[in-house]
Amino acid sequence: MPQTDPTPPLPEPYAELSRALRRRYPEDPSQLRQRAADAQTAYAEALQLQGRFAEHLMALGAAVKCPAFPRPGGIKSWARLEEKTNLFGFPPLDILAGKIVFTSLADLYASAPLVGDPFVIAGFRDRFLQPRASGYRDMQFIVDLDGHYAEVKLALAAFDELDHYEHRLYEVRRTLETLPQLSKVQTVVLETLDDASTLMFSRVWHSLVTEGQVEE
């Protein structure tokens, strides 16, 4: 597959802001668990809290003057929630979830400290500094609503747009991964889709660097 140059690092001024946020919010989301240990109770909590969560999310969007988007449908579907709970052994943190979408990294990092105004922050992870294996990048906050955790992401518009397309690839990958045995062709398709996702996110990051959107 086509190769890209080595991935440019996050510019140091943003990395320093990220480290300051880490000092303020030292808990990584991977260390957190929902108070409710079973999917049904966690789902019921989310249903009760979705209105307040959306209200806080919209307030944050208004404060930073960027669009805010709660999860489509308000909360994660029961089928997906049950699937994830069965897979990991505990309910996920993003039954309630939303995002604020920015057009520049400078505005995103300048706005990050404001997440703590409408929300109580329990966990933080900067995936611009340490992207996911696919190359996807955003800033993730886990917020506490009366003991129920929810996810708030600060997203860059270019990655957010690409993520919609990558999610379609993910659905195909997930279908293939559930098969008990793969044919040679299916194995090639699965490997190619993994490479394609990584390449797309890498190219977007490179293009943003080239256009100066991630410069300090």
C-alpha atoms as a PDB file:
ATOM      1  CA  MET A   1       0.000   0.000   0.000  1.00  0.00           C
ATOM      2  CA  PRO A   2       1.158   3.628  -0.448  1.00  0.00           C
ATOM      3  CA  GLN A   3       3.434   4.780   2.326  1.00  0.00           C
ATOM      4  CA  THR A   4       3.600   8.123   4.087  1.00  0.00           C
ATOM      5  CA  ASP A   5       6.503   9.911   5.715  1.00  0.00           C
ATOM      6  CA  PRO A   6       7.040   9.425   9.453  1.00  0.00           C
ATOM      7  CA  THR A   7       4.136  10.842  11.438  1.00  0.00           C
ATOM      8  CA  PRO A   8       4.820  14.416  12.563  1.00  0.00           C
ATOM      9  CA  PRO A   9       4.678  14.838  16.348  1.00  0.00           C
ATOM     10  CA  LEU A  10       2.267  17.113  18.154  1.00  0.00           C
ATOM     11  CA  PRO A  11       3.914  20.575  18.366  1.00  0.00           C
ATOM     12  CA  GLU A  12       5.527  21.123  21.747  1.00  0.00           C
ATOM     13  CA  PRO A  13       3.311  24.039  22.907  1.00  0.00           C
ATOM     14  CA  TYR A  14       0.265  21.770  22.568  1.00  0.00           C
ATOM     15  CA  ALA A  15       2.122  18.889  24.183  1.00  0.00           C
ATOM     16  CA  GLU A  16       2.863  21.108  27.175  1.00  0.00           C
ATOM     17  CA  LEU A  17      -0.812  22.084  27.448  1.00  0.00           C
ATOM     18  CA  SER A  18      -1.633  18.384  27.313  1.00  0.00           C
ATOM     19  CA  ARG A  19       0.774  17.613  30.138  1.00  0.00           C
ATOM     20  CA  ALA A  20      -0.802  20.394  32.217  1.00  0.00           C
ATOM     21  CA  LEU A  21      -4.219  18.815  31.694  1.00  0.00           C
ATOM     22  CA  ARG A  22      -2.790  15.433  32.664  1.00  0.00           C
ATOM     23  CA  ARG A  23      -1.452  16.875  35.904  1.00  0.00           C
ATOM     24  CA  ARG A  24      -4.875  18.346  36.619  1.00  0.00           C
ATOM     25  CA  TYR A  25      -6.746  15.168  35.648  1.00  0.00           C
ATOM     26  CA  PRO A  26      -4.355  12.276  36.298  1.00  0.00           C
ATOM     27  CA  GLU A  27      -6.869   9.435  35.924  1.00  0.00           C
ATOM     28  CA  ASP A  28      -6.788   7.683  32.549  1.00  0.00           C
ATOM     29  CA  PRO A  29     -10.187   6.489  31.267  1.00  0.00           C
ATOM     30  CA  SER A  30      -8.859   2.928  31.206  1.00  0.00           C
ATOM     31  CA  GLN A  31      -8.677   3.053  35.017  1.00  0.00           C
ATOM     32  CA  LEU A  32     -12.352   3.968  35.438  1.00  0.00           C
ATOM     33  CA  ARG A  33     -15.441   1.744  35.690  1.00  0.00           C
ATOM     34  CA  GLN A  34     -19.125   2.521  35.762  1.00  0.00           C
ATOM     35  CA  ARG A  35     -20.633   2.408  39.242  1.00  0.00           C
ATOM     36  CA  ALA A  36     -23.257   0.010  37.904  1.00  0.00           C
ATOM     37  CA  ALA A  37     -21.632  -3.353  37.266  1.00  0.00           C
ATOM     38  CA  ASP A  38     -24.397  -4.636  34.988  1.00  0.00           C
ATOM     39  CA  ALA A  39     -25.546  -3.313  31.632  1.00  0.00           C
ATOM     40  CA  GLN A  40     -29.225  -2.985  32.534  1.00  0.00           C
ATOM     41  CA  THR A  41     -28.608  -0.724  35.535  1.00  0.00           C
ATOM     42  CA  ALA A  42     -26.046   1.376  33.654  1.00  0.00           C
ATOM     43  CA  TYR A  43     -28.491   1.749  30.767  1.00  0.00           C
ATOM     44  CA  ALA A  44     -31.280   2.885  33.113  1.00  0.00           C
ATOM     45  CA  GLU A  45     -28.956   5.480  34.685  1.00  0.00           C
ATOM     46  CA  ALA A  46     -28.038   6.823  31.249  1.00  0.00           C
ATOM     47  CA  LEU A  47     -31.688   7.144  30.264  1.00  0.00           C
ATOM     48  CA  GLN A  48     -32.364   9.273  33.337  1.00  0.00           C
ATOM     49  CA  LEU A  49     -29.299  11.473  32.816  1.00  0.00           C
ATOM     50  CA  GLN A  50     -29.317  11.996  29.054  1.00  0.00           C
ATOM     51  CA  GLY A  51     -31.243  15.285  29.233  1.00  0.00           C
ATOM     52  CA  ARG A  52     -28.848  16.848  31.734  1.00  0.00           C
ATOM     53  CA  PHE A  53     -25.832  15.554  29.817  1.00  0.00           C
ATOM     54  CA  ALA A  54     -27.080  17.084  26.554  1.00  0.00           C
ATOM     55  CA  GLU A  55     -27.802  20.375  28.320  1.00  0.00           C
ATOM     56  CA  HIS A  56     -24.248  20.568  29.715  1.00  0.00           C
ATOM     57  CA  LEU A  57     -22.765  19.575  26.349  1.00  0.00           C
ATOM     58  CA  MET A  58     -24.671  22.303  24.519  1.00  0.00           C
ATOM     59  CA  ALA A  59     -23.600  24.833  27.159  1.00  0.00           C
ATOM     60  CA  LEU A  60     -19.983  23.874  26.562  1.00  0.00           C
ATOM     61  CA  GLY A  61     -20.414  24.209  22.802  1.00  0.00           C
ATOM     62  CA  ALA A  62     -21.910  27.676  23.245  1.00  0.00           C
ATOM     63  CA  ALA A  63     -19.066  28.697  25.563  1.00  0.00           C
ATOM     64  CA  VAL A  64     -16.356  27.697  23.072  1.00  0.00           C
ATOM     65  CA  LYS A  65     -18.420  28.810  20.042  1.00  0.00           C
ATOM     66  CA  CYS A  66     -18.208  25.436  18.298  1.00  0.00           C
ATOM     67  CA  PRO A  67     -20.910  22.914  17.385  1.00  0.00           C
ATOM     68  CA  ALA A  68     -21.824  20.288  19.972  1.00  0.00           C
ATOM     69  CA  PHE A  69     -23.205  16.892  19.033  1.00  0.00           C
ATOM     70  CA  PRO A  70     -24.703  14.418  21.517  1.00  0.00           C
ATOM     71  CA  ARG A  71     -24.629  10.771  20.485  1.00  0.00           C
ATOM     72  CA  PRO A  72     -27.263  10.078  17.784  1.00  0.00           C
ATOM     73  CA  GLY A  73     -30.314   8.710  19.543  1.00  0.00           C
ATOM     74  CA  GLY A  74     -29.188  10.142  22.880  1.00  0.00           C
ATOM     75  CA  ILE A  75     -27.531   7.012  24.274  1.00  0.00           C
ATOM     76  CA  LYS A  76     -25.711   3.928  23.008  1.00  0.00           C
ATOM     77  CA  SER A  77     -28.111   1.299  21.660  1.00  0.00           C
ATOM     78  CA  TRP A  78     -29.006  -1.540  24.010  1.00  0.00           C
ATOM     79  CA  ALA A  79     -27.667  -4.123  21.540  1.00  0.00           C
ATOM     80  CA  ARG A  80     -24.268  -2.413  21.308  1.00  0.00           C
ATOM     81  CA  LEU A  81     -24.130  -1.827  25.061  1.00  0.00           C
ATOM     82  CA  GLU A  82     -24.864  -5.478  25.771  1.00  0.00           C
ATOM     83  CA  GLU A  83     -22.280  -6.569  23.201  1.00  0.00           C
ATOM     84  CA  LYS A  84     -19.551  -4.398  24.740  1.00  0.00           C
ATOM     85  CA  THR A  85     -20.432  -5.408  28.293  1.00  0.00           C
ATOM     86  CA  ASN A  86     -20.244  -9.077  27.376  1.00  0.00           C
ATOM     87  CA  LEU A  87     -16.951  -8.512  25.564  1.00  0.00           C
ATOM     88  CA  PHE A  88     -15.142  -6.610  28.340  1.00  0.00           C
ATOM     89  CA  GLY A  89     -16.999  -7.826  31.417  1.00  0.00           C
ATOM     90  CA  PHE A  90     -18.246  -4.377  32.492  1.00  0.00           C
ATOM     91  CA  PRO A  91     -20.407  -1.577  31.002  1.00  0.00           C
ATOM     92  CA  PRO A  92     -18.561   0.963  28.813  1.00  0.00           C
ATOM     93  CA  LEU A  93     -17.987   4.575  29.783  1.00  0.00           C
ATOM     94  CA  ASP A  94     -19.627   6.011  26.656  1.00  0.00           C
ATOM     95  CA  ILE A  95     -23.275   4.980  27.044  1.00  0.00           C
ATOM     96  CA  LEU A  96     -23.786   8.721  27.199  1.00  0.00           C
ATOM     97  CA  ALA A  97     -21.403  10.485  24.840  1.00  0.00           C
ATOM     98  CA  GLY A  98     -21.001  13.659  22.854  1.00  0.00           C
ATOM     99  CA  LYS A  99     -18.432  15.767  21.075  1.00  0.00           C
ATOM    100  CA  ILE A 100     -17.459  19.344  20.352  1.00  0.00           C
ATOM    101  CA  VAL A 101     -16.007  19.799  16.861  1.00  0.00           C
ATOM    102  CA  PHE A 102     -13.263  22.362  16.179  1.00  0.00           C
ATOM    103  CA  THR A 103     -11.748  23.546  12.913  1.00  0.00           C
ATOM    104  CA  SER A 104      -8.308  24.259  14.389  1.00  0.00           C
ATOM    105  CA  LEU A 105      -6.107  22.567  16.946  1.00  0.00           C
ATOM    106  CA  ALA A 106      -5.270  25.931  18.505  1.00  0.00           C
ATOM    107  CA  ASP A 107      -8.920  26.565  19.349  1.00  0.00           C
ATOM    108  CA  LEU A 108      -9.346  22.997  20.591  1.00  0.00           C
ATOM    109  CA  TYR A 109      -6.451  23.228  23.062  1.00  0.00           C
ATOM    110  CA  ALA A 110      -7.470  26.708  24.160  1.00  0.00           C
ATOM    111  CA  SER A 111     -10.959  25.398  24.926  1.00  0.00           C
ATOM    112  CA  ALA A 112      -9.953  22.182  26.709  1.00  0.00           C
ATOM    113  CA  PRO A 113      -9.712  23.762  30.206  1.00  0.00           C
ATOM    114  CA  LEU A 114     -13.334  24.909  29.862  1.00  0.00           C
ATOM    115  CA  VAL A 115     -14.689  21.351  29.853  1.00  0.00           C
ATOM    116  CA  GLY A 116     -14.508  21.460  33.639  1.00  0.00           C
ATOM    117  CA  ASP A 117     -16.992  24.354  33.834  1.00  0.00           C
ATOM    118  CA  PRO A 118     -20.222  22.455  33.093  1.00  0.00           C
ATOM    119  CA  PHE A 119     -18.821  18.990  33.886  1.00  0.00           C
ATOM    120  CA  VAL A 120     -17.065  17.213  36.749  1.00  0.00           C
ATOM    121  CA  ILE A 121     -14.073  15.567  35.077  1.00  0.00           C
ATOM    122  CA  ALA A 122     -13.081  12.091  36.246  1.00  0.00           C
ATOM    123  CA  GLY A 123     -10.647  11.043  33.511  1.00  0.00           C
ATOM    124  CA  PHE A 124      -8.616  12.479  30.635  1.00  0.00           C
ATOM    125  CA  ARG A 125      -6.737  11.173  27.631  1.00  0.00           C
ATOM    126  CA  ASP A 126      -5.090  13.182  24.838  1.00  0.00           C
ATOM    127  CA  ARG A 127      -5.179  11.126  21.663  1.00  0.00           C
ATOM    128  CA  PHE A 128      -3.524  13.898  19.680  1.00  0.00           C
ATOM    129  CA  LEU A 129      -0.433  13.265  21.772  1.00  0.00           C
ATOM    130  CA  GLN A 130      -0.884   9.485  21.804  1.00  0.00           C
ATOM    131  CA  PRO A 131      -3.230   8.518  18.953  1.00  0.00           C
ATOM    132  CA  ARG A 132      -5.134   5.268  18.712  1.00  0.00           C
ATOM    133  CA  ALA A 133      -3.545   2.380  16.837  1.00  0.00           C
ATOM    134  CA  SER A 134      -5.529   3.358  13.738  1.00  0.00           C
ATOM    135  CA  GLY A 135      -4.075   6.875  13.854  1.00  0.00           C
ATOM    136  CA  TYR A 136      -7.358   8.486  14.914  1.00  0.00           C
ATOM    137  CA  ARG A 137      -6.852  11.525  17.159  1.00  0.00           C
ATOM    138  CA  ASP A 138      -9.065  13.472  19.548  1.00  0.00           C
ATOM    139  CA  MET A 139      -9.143  14.602  23.164  1.00  0.00           C
ATOM    140  CA  GLN A 140     -11.226  12.449  25.493  1.00  0.00           C
ATOM    141  CA  PHE A 141     -12.753  13.452  28.824  1.00  0.00           C
ATOM    142  CA  ILE A 142     -14.727  11.145  31.097  1.00  0.00           C
ATOM    143  CA  VAL A 143     -17.199  13.181  33.127  1.00  0.00           C
ATOM    144  CA  ASP A 144     -19.105  12.245  36.274  1.00  0.00           C
ATOM    145  CA  LEU A 145     -22.875  12.728  36.402  1.00  0.00           C
ATOM    146  CA  ASP A 146     -24.033  11.680  39.877  1.00  0.00           C
ATOM    147  CA  GLY A 147     -21.770   8.626  39.790  1.00  0.00           C
ATOM    148  CA  HIS A 148     -22.509   7.684  36.180  1.00  0.00           C
ATOM    149  CA  TYR A 149     -19.647   8.219  33.746  1.00  0.00           C
ATOM    150  CA  ALA A 150     -20.092   9.737  30.297  1.00  0.00           C
ATOM    151  CA  GLU A 151     -17.702  10.632  27.486  1.00  0.00           C
ATOM    152  CA  VAL A 152     -17.017  14.088  26.052  1.00  0.00           C
ATOM    153  CA  LYS A 153     -14.664  14.314  23.088  1.00  0.00           C
ATOM    154  CA  LEU A 154     -13.019  17.389  21.608  1.00  0.00           C
ATOM    155  CA  ALA A 155     -12.648  16.544  17.937  1.00  0.00           C
ATOM    156  CA  LEU A 156     -10.915  18.151  14.985  1.00  0.00           C
ATOM    157  CA  ALA A 157     -13.280  18.548  12.032  1.00  0.00           C
ATOM    158  CA  ALA A 158     -11.017  16.765   9.537  1.00  0.00           C
ATOM    159  CA  PHE A 159     -10.684  13.671  11.748  1.00  0.00           C
ATOM    160  CA  ASP A 160     -14.353  13.771  12.621  1.00  0.00           C
ATOM    161  CA  GLU A 161     -15.330  13.772   8.955  1.00  0.00           C
ATOM    162  CA  LEU A 162     -12.956  10.938   8.119  1.00  0.00           C
ATOM    163  CA  ASP A 163     -14.166   8.944  11.112  1.00  0.00           C
ATOM    164  CA  HIS A 164     -17.600   8.652   9.507  1.00  0.00           C
ATOM    165  CA  TYR A 165     -16.033   6.854   6.547  1.00  0.00           C
ATOM    166  CA  GLU A 166     -13.665   4.797   8.686  1.00  0.00           C
ATOM    167  CA  HIS A 167     -16.593   3.579  10.753  1.00  0.00           C
ATOM    168  CA  ARG A 168     -17.968   1.853   7.658  1.00  0.00           C
ATOM    169  CA  LEU A 169     -14.675   0.015   7.293  1.00  0.00           C
ATOM    170  CA  TYR A 170     -14.861  -0.867  10.978  1.00  0.00           C
ATOM    171  CA  GLU A 171     -18.285  -2.439  10.516  1.00  0.00           C
ATOM    172  CA  VAL A 172     -16.926  -4.655   7.734  1.00  0.00           C
ATOM    173  CA  ARG A 173     -13.915  -5.595   9.878  1.00  0.00           C
ATOM    174  CA  ARG A 174     -16.141  -6.415  12.827  1.00  0.00           C
ATOM    175  CA  THR A 175     -18.301  -8.679  10.654  1.00  0.00           C
ATOM    176  CA  LEU A 176     -15.246 -10.550   9.398  1.00  0.00           C
ATOM    177  CA  GLU A 177     -13.740 -10.849  12.877  1.00  0.00           C
ATOM    178  CA  THR A 178     -16.845 -12.620  14.170  1.00  0.00           C
ATOM    179  CA  LEU A 179     -16.515 -15.418  11.627  1.00  0.00           C
ATOM    180  CA  PRO A 180     -15.184 -18.687  13.061  1.00  0.00           C
ATOM    181  CA  GLN A 181     -12.791 -19.099  10.134  1.00  0.00           C
ATOM    182  CA  LEU A 182     -11.672 -16.796   7.342  1.00  0.00           C
ATOM    183  CA  SER A 183     -11.022 -17.715   3.753  1.00  0.00           C
ATOM    184  CA  LYS A 184      -7.820 -16.495   2.098  1.00  0.00           C
ATOM    185  CA  VAL A 185      -9.745 -13.705   0.395  1.00  0.00           C
ATOM    186  CA  GLN A 186     -11.434 -12.663   3.639  1.00  0.00           C
ATOM    187  CA  THR A 187      -8.053 -12.599   5.386  1.00  0.00           C
ATOM    188  CA  VAL A 188      -6.671 -10.301   2.680  1.00  0.00           C
ATOM    189  CA  VAL A 189      -9.710  -8.027   2.949  1.00  0.00           C
ATOM    190  CA  LEU A 190      -9.370  -7.791   6.746  1.00  0.00           C
ATOM    191  CA  GLU A 191      -5.654  -6.982   6.593  1.00  0.00           C
ATOM    192  CA  THR A 192      -6.203  -4.435   3.821  1.00  0.00           C
ATOM    193  CA  LEU A 193      -8.959  -2.676   5.748  1.00  0.00           C
ATOM    194  CA  ASP A 194      -6.682  -2.351   8.794  1.00  0.00           C
ATOM    195  CA  ASP A 195      -3.970  -0.814   6.627  1.00  0.00           C
ATOM    196  CA  ALA A 196      -6.476   1.480   4.905  1.00  0.00           C
ATOM    197  CA  SER A 197      -7.719   2.992   8.165  1.00  0.00           C
ATOM    198  CA  THR A 198      -4.193   3.678   9.390  1.00  0.00           C
ATOM    199  CA  LEU A 199      -3.192   5.205   6.061  1.00  0.00           C
ATOM    200  CA  MET A 200      -6.235   7.496   5.880  1.00  0.00           C
ATOM    201  CA  PHE A 201      -5.725   8.960   9.336  1.00  0.00           C
ATOM    202  CA  SER A 202      -2.003   9.353   8.711  1.00  0.00           C
ATOM    203  CA  ARG A 203      -2.620  11.220   5.473  1.00  0.00           C
ATOM    204  CA  VAL A 204      -5.112  13.554   7.116  1.00  0.00           C
ATOM    205  CA  TRP A 205      -2.619  14.388   9.880  1.00  0.00           C
ATOM    206  CA  HIS A 206       0.096  15.020   7.307  1.00  0.00           C
ATOM    207  CA  SER A 207      -2.210  17.282   5.315  1.00  0.00           C
ATOM    208  CA  LEU A 208      -3.091  19.288   8.414  1.00  0.00           C
ATOM    209  CA  VAL A 209       0.593  19.737   9.192  1.00  0.00           C
ATOM    210  CA  THR A 210       1.253  20.826   5.610  1.00  0.00           C
ATOM    211  CA  GLU A 211      -1.578  23.353   5.757  1.00  0.00           C
ATOM    212  CA  GLY A 212      -0.306  24.687   9.073  1.00  0.00           C
ATOM    213  CA  GLN A 213      -3.443  23.789  11.035  1.00  0.00           C
ATOM    214  CA  VAL A 214      -1.454  22.058  13.773  1.00  0.00           C
ATOM    215  CA  GLU A 215       1.355  24.578  14.059  1.00  0.00           C
ATOM    216  CA  GLU A 216       1.762  26.550  17.254  1.00  0.00           C
END
